[in-house]
Amino acid sequence: MLRKIIEDLKNGPFEITIHDAIRMNQREVAKANLLEVGRTVTSVEHQNFPNAPFKVKGKDLEGEMMEVICDYVDETLIVTVLTKEELV
């Protein structure tokens, strides 16, 4: 499952919910940054949160650490992000 998350994040077959798109806009995060996190993954952790079971860490396009929170819904990867300011 972790390998599938990395592949889906890196290659782009994922969806961003309306809520997540709004949050990404507020955080000034483009979809290209999510793809970059997929290409530069440093870790994938399983979490005990029912709606956010996976946390992927990698670097954005500027080389800054970013976390992508993921879940699968009907075989589709759904993502949201946390920026470096929110990682504290």
N, C-alpha and C. Protein backbone atom coordinates (compact mmCIF):
# COMPACT_ATOMS: atom_id res chain seq x y z
N MET A 1 0.82 -1.20 0.00
CA MET A 1 0.00 0.00 0.00
C MET A 1 0.86 1.26 0.00
N LEU A 2 1.93 1.28 0.80
CA LEU A 2 2.78 2.47 0.86
C LEU A 2 3.43 2.75 -0.49
N ARG A 3 3.84 1.70 -1.18
CA ARG A 3 4.45 1.87 -2.50
C ARG A 3 3.44 2.46 -3.49
N LYS A 4 2.18 2.01 -3.39
CA LYS A 4 1.12 2.51 -4.28
C LYS A 4 0.88 4.00 -4.01
N ILE A 5 0.89 4.40 -2.76
CA ILE A 5 0.70 5.81 -2.42
C ILE A 5 1.79 6.65 -3.08
N ILE A 6 3.04 6.22 -2.94
CA ILE A 6 4.16 6.96 -3.53
C ILE A 6 4.00 7.05 -5.05
N GLU A 7 3.68 5.95 -5.69
CA GLU A 7 3.52 5.94 -7.15
C GLU A 7 2.38 6.85 -7.59
N ASP A 8 1.24 6.77 -6.90
CA ASP A 8 0.10 7.61 -7.27
C ASP A 8 0.40 9.08 -7.04
N LEU A 9 1.10 9.40 -5.98
CA LEU A 9 1.46 10.79 -5.70
C LEU A 9 2.48 11.30 -6.72
N LYS A 10 3.43 10.48 -7.07
CA LYS A 10 4.49 10.87 -8.01
C LYS A 10 3.95 11.03 -9.44
N ASN A 11 3.04 10.16 -9.84
CA ASN A 11 2.56 10.15 -11.22
C ASN A 11 1.30 10.96 -11.45
N GLY A 12 0.66 11.39 -10.38
CA GLY A 12 -0.47 12.29 -10.53
C GLY A 12 -1.87 11.71 -10.59
N PRO A 13 -2.11 10.42 -10.48
CA PRO A 13 -3.52 9.98 -10.47
C PRO A 13 -4.12 10.12 -9.08
N PHE A 14 -4.30 11.38 -8.65
CA PHE A 14 -4.92 11.61 -7.35
C PHE A 14 -5.91 12.77 -7.49
N GLU A 15 -6.76 12.91 -6.50
CA GLU A 15 -7.74 13.98 -6.51
C GLU A 15 -7.52 14.90 -5.32
N ILE A 16 -7.93 16.11 -5.50
CA ILE A 16 -7.87 17.10 -4.43
C ILE A 16 -9.31 17.53 -4.19
N THR A 17 -9.79 17.36 -2.98
CA THR A 17 -11.16 17.75 -2.67
C THR A 17 -11.31 19.27 -2.71
N ILE A 18 -12.53 19.73 -2.76
CA ILE A 18 -12.78 21.17 -2.78
C ILE A 18 -12.18 21.82 -1.53
N HIS A 19 -12.41 21.20 -0.38
CA HIS A 19 -11.83 21.72 0.87
C HIS A 19 -10.31 21.80 0.77
N ASP A 20 -9.70 20.73 0.28
CA ASP A 20 -8.24 20.72 0.17
C ASP A 20 -7.75 21.74 -0.84
N ALA A 21 -8.48 21.93 -1.93
CA ALA A 21 -8.08 22.93 -2.93
C ALA A 21 -8.11 24.33 -2.32
N ILE A 22 -9.12 24.59 -1.51
CA ILE A 22 -9.20 25.89 -0.83
C ILE A 22 -8.02 26.06 0.11
N ARG A 23 -7.72 25.03 0.89
CA ARG A 23 -6.59 25.10 1.83
C ARG A 23 -5.27 25.25 1.08
N MET A 24 -5.11 24.53 -0.04
CA MET A 24 -3.88 24.66 -0.82
C MET A 24 -3.74 26.07 -1.36
N ASN A 25 -4.84 26.67 -1.79
CA ASN A 25 -4.80 28.05 -2.27
C ASN A 25 -4.39 28.99 -1.14
N GLN A 26 -4.94 28.79 0.04
CA GLN A 26 -4.58 29.62 1.20
C GLN A 26 -3.11 29.45 1.55
N ARG A 27 -2.59 28.25 1.37
CA ARG A 27 -1.19 27.94 1.71
C ARG A 27 -0.24 28.20 0.55
N GLU A 28 -0.79 28.63 -0.59
CA GLU A 28 -0.02 28.89 -1.80
C GLU A 28 0.77 27.66 -2.24
N VAL A 29 0.06 26.54 -2.31
CA VAL A 29 0.66 25.27 -2.72
C VAL A 29 0.02 24.83 -4.03
N ALA A 30 0.83 24.62 -5.06
CA ALA A 30 0.34 24.17 -6.36
C ALA A 30 0.40 22.64 -6.46
N LYS A 31 -0.38 22.08 -7.35
CA LYS A 31 -0.39 20.64 -7.57
C LYS A 31 1.01 20.14 -7.91
N ALA A 32 1.79 20.94 -8.61
CA ALA A 32 3.16 20.55 -8.97
C ALA A 32 3.99 20.25 -7.72
N ASN A 33 3.70 20.94 -6.61
CA ASN A 33 4.41 20.66 -5.37
C ASN A 33 4.07 19.27 -4.85
N LEU A 34 2.83 18.84 -5.01
CA LEU A 34 2.44 17.50 -4.59
C LEU A 34 3.19 16.44 -5.39
N LEU A 35 3.29 16.67 -6.69
CA LEU A 35 4.04 15.75 -7.54
C LEU A 35 5.51 15.69 -7.13
N GLU A 36 6.07 16.84 -6.76
CA GLU A 36 7.47 16.89 -6.32
C GLU A 36 7.65 16.12 -5.01
N VAL A 37 6.71 16.26 -4.09
CA VAL A 37 6.77 15.48 -2.85
C VAL A 37 6.78 13.99 -3.19
N GLY A 38 5.97 13.59 -4.16
CA GLY A 38 5.95 12.19 -4.60
C GLY A 38 7.29 11.74 -5.17
N ARG A 39 7.99 12.64 -5.82
CA ARG A 39 9.30 12.31 -6.41
C ARG A 39 10.42 12.32 -5.38
N THR A 40 10.23 13.05 -4.27
CA THR A 40 11.32 13.22 -3.29
C THR A 40 10.96 12.65 -1.92
N VAL A 41 10.11 11.66 -1.88
CA VAL A 41 9.64 11.08 -0.62
C VAL A 41 10.81 10.70 0.28
N THR A 42 10.73 11.16 1.54
CA THR A 42 11.73 10.76 2.53
C THR A 42 11.13 9.76 3.52
N SER A 43 9.80 9.79 3.68
CA SER A 43 9.15 8.81 4.56
C SER A 43 7.66 8.75 4.30
N VAL A 44 7.08 7.60 4.62
CA VAL A 44 5.64 7.41 4.58
C VAL A 44 5.27 6.76 5.90
N GLU A 45 4.37 7.39 6.64
CA GLU A 45 3.98 6.87 7.94
C GLU A 45 2.50 6.53 7.96
N HIS A 46 2.17 5.43 8.61
CA HIS A 46 0.77 5.09 8.84
C HIS A 46 0.35 5.78 10.14
N GLN A 47 -0.79 6.45 10.11
CA GLN A 47 -1.30 7.17 11.28
C GLN A 47 -2.58 6.51 11.77
N ASN A 48 -2.94 6.76 12.99
CA ASN A 48 -4.17 6.22 13.55
C ASN A 48 -5.31 7.22 13.46
N PHE A 49 -5.47 7.82 12.30
CA PHE A 49 -6.57 8.75 12.06
C PHE A 49 -7.42 8.18 10.93
N PRO A 50 -8.70 7.94 11.16
CA PRO A 50 -9.52 7.28 10.15
C PRO A 50 -9.62 8.01 8.82
N ASN A 51 -9.63 9.34 8.80
CA ASN A 51 -9.76 10.07 7.54
C ASN A 51 -8.43 10.55 6.97
N ALA A 52 -7.34 10.25 7.66
CA ALA A 52 -6.02 10.66 7.20
C ALA A 52 -4.99 9.62 7.63
N PRO A 53 -5.11 8.40 7.11
CA PRO A 53 -4.27 7.31 7.61
C PRO A 53 -2.81 7.33 7.18
N PHE A 54 -2.45 8.12 6.17
CA PHE A 54 -1.07 8.10 5.69
C PHE A 54 -0.49 9.51 5.62
N LYS A 55 0.76 9.65 6.07
CA LYS A 55 1.47 10.92 6.01
C LYS A 55 2.75 10.69 5.21
N VAL A 56 2.88 11.43 4.12
CA VAL A 56 4.04 11.33 3.24
C VAL A 56 4.86 12.60 3.39
N LYS A 57 6.16 12.44 3.65
CA LYS A 57 7.05 13.60 3.76
C LYS A 57 7.98 13.62 2.55
N GLY A 58 8.18 14.82 2.02
CA GLY A 58 9.09 15.02 0.90
C GLY A 58 9.36 16.50 0.76
N LYS A 59 9.97 16.88 -0.35
CA LYS A 59 10.31 18.29 -0.57
C LYS A 59 9.44 18.88 -1.67
N ASP A 60 9.11 20.17 -1.50
CA ASP A 60 8.33 20.86 -2.52
C ASP A 60 9.28 21.37 -3.61
N LEU A 61 8.74 22.14 -4.53
CA LEU A 61 9.55 22.64 -5.65
C LEU A 61 10.66 23.59 -5.22
N GLU A 62 10.53 24.17 -4.04
CA GLU A 62 11.57 25.07 -3.53
C GLU A 62 12.56 24.35 -2.63
N GLY A 63 12.41 23.04 -2.49
CA GLY A 63 13.31 22.26 -1.65
C GLY A 63 12.95 22.27 -0.18
N GLU A 64 11.79 22.82 0.16
CA GLU A 64 11.34 22.86 1.55
C GLU A 64 10.55 21.60 1.88
N MET A 65 10.65 21.14 3.13
CA MET A 65 9.91 19.96 3.55
C MET A 65 8.41 20.24 3.54
N MET A 66 7.66 19.24 3.10
CA MET A 66 6.21 19.33 3.05
C MET A 66 5.65 17.97 3.40
N GLU A 67 4.53 17.95 4.09
CA GLU A 67 3.84 16.71 4.40
C GLU A 67 2.55 16.66 3.59
N VAL A 68 2.27 15.51 3.04
CA VAL A 68 1.04 15.29 2.30
C VAL A 68 0.26 14.22 3.05
N ILE A 69 -0.96 14.54 3.42
CA ILE A 69 -1.82 13.62 4.13
C ILE A 69 -2.71 12.94 3.10
N CYS A 70 -2.75 11.60 3.12
CA CYS A 70 -3.42 10.84 2.07
C CYS A 70 -4.41 9.82 2.62
N ASP A 71 -5.38 9.51 1.79
CA ASP A 71 -6.32 8.43 2.06
C ASP A 71 -6.86 7.95 0.73
N TYR A 72 -7.27 6.72 0.66
CA TYR A 72 -7.90 6.19 -0.53
C TYR A 72 -9.40 6.14 -0.34
N VAL A 73 -10.12 6.60 -1.35
CA VAL A 73 -11.57 6.49 -1.40
C VAL A 73 -11.90 5.86 -2.75
N ASP A 74 -12.45 4.66 -2.71
CA ASP A 74 -12.78 3.94 -3.95
C ASP A 74 -11.61 3.89 -4.92
N GLU A 75 -10.46 3.48 -4.44
CA GLU A 75 -9.25 3.31 -5.26
C GLU A 75 -8.63 4.62 -5.74
N THR A 76 -9.13 5.77 -5.28
CA THR A 76 -8.59 7.07 -5.67
C THR A 76 -7.88 7.69 -4.49
N LEU A 77 -6.64 8.11 -4.71
CA LEU A 77 -5.87 8.77 -3.66
C LEU A 77 -6.39 10.20 -3.49
N ILE A 78 -6.71 10.56 -2.25
CA ILE A 78 -7.17 11.90 -1.91
C ILE A 78 -6.09 12.53 -1.04
N VAL A 79 -5.73 13.78 -1.32
CA VAL A 79 -4.62 14.40 -0.61
C VAL A 79 -4.95 15.77 -0.06
N THR A 80 -4.24 16.16 0.97
CA THR A 80 -4.17 17.53 1.46
C THR A 80 -2.72 17.73 1.91
N VAL A 81 -2.35 18.96 2.22
CA VAL A 81 -0.94 19.24 2.51
C VAL A 81 -0.75 20.03 3.79
N LEU A 82 0.44 19.91 4.34
CA LEU A 82 0.89 20.77 5.43
C LEU A 82 2.21 21.39 4.97
N THR A 83 2.31 22.70 5.12
CA THR A 83 3.52 23.38 4.70
C THR A 83 4.53 23.41 5.84
N LYS A 84 5.74 23.87 5.55
CA LYS A 84 6.80 23.87 6.56
C LYS A 84 6.40 24.65 7.81
N GLU A 85 5.62 25.73 7.64
CA GLU A 85 5.19 26.52 8.78
C GLU A 85 4.26 25.71 9.70
N GLU A 86 3.54 24.75 9.13
CA GLU A 86 2.58 23.97 9.90
C GLU A 86 3.20 22.69 10.47
N LEU A 87 4.44 22.40 10.14
CA LEU A 87 5.08 21.17 10.58
C LEU A 87 5.62 21.27 11.99
N VAL A 88 5.61 22.44 12.59
CA VAL A 88 6.18 22.65 13.92
C VAL A 88 5.43 21.86 14.97
